[in-house]
Amino acid sequence: MSDTITQMRLSMRLDNYLREYERKNARKATLSKDLWEHAWQLADVARIHNILTPELVDDVRVVLYSL
């Protein structure tokens, strides 16, 4: 049960990062957008398969704050 709760919490953090990314509008920088897409796709696939880890979510956060 705690694993399900952990997955939900990580998923909610990921959704918050996506909203923030969309709010920033990605600044149209190609390299930054490529980094975001890569990190986001990895985390989103992991979320779909319920194997999301804090490290993947943190990778998304790091890329987001580097934009």
C-alpha atoms as a PDB file:
ATOM      1  CA  MET A   1       0.000   0.000   0.000  1.00  0.00           C
ATOM      2  CA  SER A   2       2.775   2.445   0.823  1.00  0.00           C
ATOM      3  CA  ASP A   3       4.249   1.772  -2.626  1.00  0.00           C
ATOM      4  CA  THR A   4       0.987   2.916  -4.224  1.00  0.00           C
ATOM      5  CA  ILE A   5       0.970   6.009  -2.043  1.00  0.00           C
ATOM      6  CA  THR A   6       4.597   6.733  -2.941  1.00  0.00           C
ATOM      7  CA  GLN A   7       3.810   6.418  -6.650  1.00  0.00           C
ATOM      8  CA  MET A   8       0.866   8.808  -6.249  1.00  0.00           C
ATOM      9  CA  ARG A   9       2.975  11.371  -4.417  1.00  0.00           C
ATOM     10  CA  LEU A  10       5.761  11.215  -6.990  1.00  0.00           C
ATOM     11  CA  SER A  11       3.188  11.498  -9.764  1.00  0.00           C
ATOM     12  CA  MET A  12       1.696  14.600  -8.152  1.00  0.00           C
ATOM     13  CA  ARG A  13       5.165  16.193  -7.924  1.00  0.00           C
ATOM     14  CA  LEU A  14       5.715  15.373 -11.584  1.00  0.00           C
ATOM     15  CA  ASP A  15       2.400  17.002 -12.521  1.00  0.00           C
ATOM     16  CA  ASN A  16       3.389  20.134 -10.605  1.00  0.00           C
ATOM     17  CA  TYR A  17       6.647  20.326 -12.561  1.00  0.00           C
ATOM     18  CA  LEU A  18       4.759  19.957 -15.840  1.00  0.00           C
ATOM     19  CA  ARG A  19       2.429  22.822 -14.903  1.00  0.00           C
ATOM     20  CA  GLU A  20       5.405  24.992 -13.997  1.00  0.00           C
ATOM     21  CA  TYR A  21       7.115  24.114 -17.290  1.00  0.00           C
ATOM     22  CA  GLU A  22       4.007  25.075 -19.228  1.00  0.00           C
ATOM     23  CA  ARG A  23       3.746  28.312 -17.266  1.00  0.00           C
ATOM     24  CA  LYS A  24       7.349  29.168 -18.134  1.00  0.00           C
ATOM     25  CA  ASN A  25       6.518  28.394 -21.769  1.00  0.00           C
ATOM     26  CA  ALA A  26       9.930  26.756 -22.256  1.00  0.00           C
ATOM     27  CA  ARG A  27      11.511  30.024 -23.420  1.00  0.00           C
ATOM     28  CA  LYS A  28      11.652  28.570 -26.919  1.00  0.00           C
ATOM     29  CA  ALA A  29      15.249  27.369 -26.373  1.00  0.00           C
ATOM     30  CA  THR A  30      15.810  24.245 -28.451  1.00  0.00           C
ATOM     31  CA  LEU A  31      18.492  22.685 -26.251  1.00  0.00           C
ATOM     32  CA  SER A  32      16.527  23.308 -23.074  1.00  0.00           C
ATOM     33  CA  LYS A  33      13.383  21.969 -24.682  1.00  0.00           C
ATOM     34  CA  ASP A  34      15.231  18.831 -25.802  1.00  0.00           C
ATOM     35  CA  LEU A  35      16.550  18.267 -22.278  1.00  0.00           C
ATOM     36  CA  TRP A  36      13.056  18.775 -20.868  1.00  0.00           C
ATOM     37  CA  GLU A  37      11.454  16.383 -23.352  1.00  0.00           C
ATOM     38  CA  HIS A  38      14.012  13.681 -22.580  1.00  0.00           C
ATOM     39  CA  ALA A  39      13.649  13.966 -18.803  1.00  0.00           C
ATOM     40  CA  TRP A  40       9.866  14.256 -19.007  1.00  0.00           C
ATOM     41  CA  GLN A  41       9.438  11.240 -21.288  1.00  0.00           C
ATOM     42  CA  LEU A  42      11.589   9.029 -19.053  1.00  0.00           C
ATOM     43  CA  ALA A  43       9.620  10.020 -15.973  1.00  0.00           C
ATOM     44  CA  ASP A  44       6.248   9.759 -17.703  1.00  0.00           C
ATOM     45  CA  VAL A  45       6.958   6.238 -18.990  1.00  0.00           C
ATOM     46  CA  ALA A  46       8.075   5.230 -15.495  1.00  0.00           C
ATOM     47  CA  ARG A  47       4.857   6.682 -14.088  1.00  0.00           C
ATOM     48  CA  ILE A  48       2.756   4.701 -16.570  1.00  0.00           C
ATOM     49  CA  HIS A  49       4.493   1.494 -15.469  1.00  0.00           C
ATOM     50  CA  ASN A  50       4.357   2.418 -11.745  1.00  0.00           C
ATOM     51  CA  ILE A  51       8.140   2.410 -11.426  1.00  0.00           C
ATOM     52  CA  LEU A  52       8.580   6.132 -10.848  1.00  0.00           C
ATOM     53  CA  THR A  53      11.495   6.946  -8.535  1.00  0.00           C
ATOM     54  CA  PRO A  54      12.406  10.074  -6.605  1.00  0.00           C
ATOM     55  CA  GLU A  55      15.558  10.297  -8.719  1.00  0.00           C
ATOM     56  CA  LEU A  56      13.588  10.521 -11.975  1.00  0.00           C
ATOM     57  CA  VAL A  57      11.323  13.183 -10.502  1.00  0.00           C
ATOM     58  CA  ASP A  58      14.380  15.103  -9.299  1.00  0.00           C
ATOM     59  CA  ASP A  59      15.902  14.879 -12.785  1.00  0.00           C
ATOM     60  CA  VAL A  60      12.779  16.578 -14.138  1.00  0.00           C
ATOM     61  CA  ARG A  61      13.026  19.241 -11.422  1.00  0.00           C
ATOM     62  CA  VAL A  62      16.694  19.918 -12.194  1.00  0.00           C
ATOM     63  CA  VAL A  63      15.994  20.338 -15.910  1.00  0.00           C
ATOM     64  CA  LEU A  64      12.998  22.551 -15.190  1.00  0.00           C
ATOM     65  CA  TYR A  65      14.984  24.887 -12.959  1.00  0.00           C
ATOM     66  CA  SER A  66      17.825  25.041 -15.481  1.00  0.00           C
ATOM     67  CA  LEU A  67      15.494  26.477 -18.154  1.00  0.00           C
END
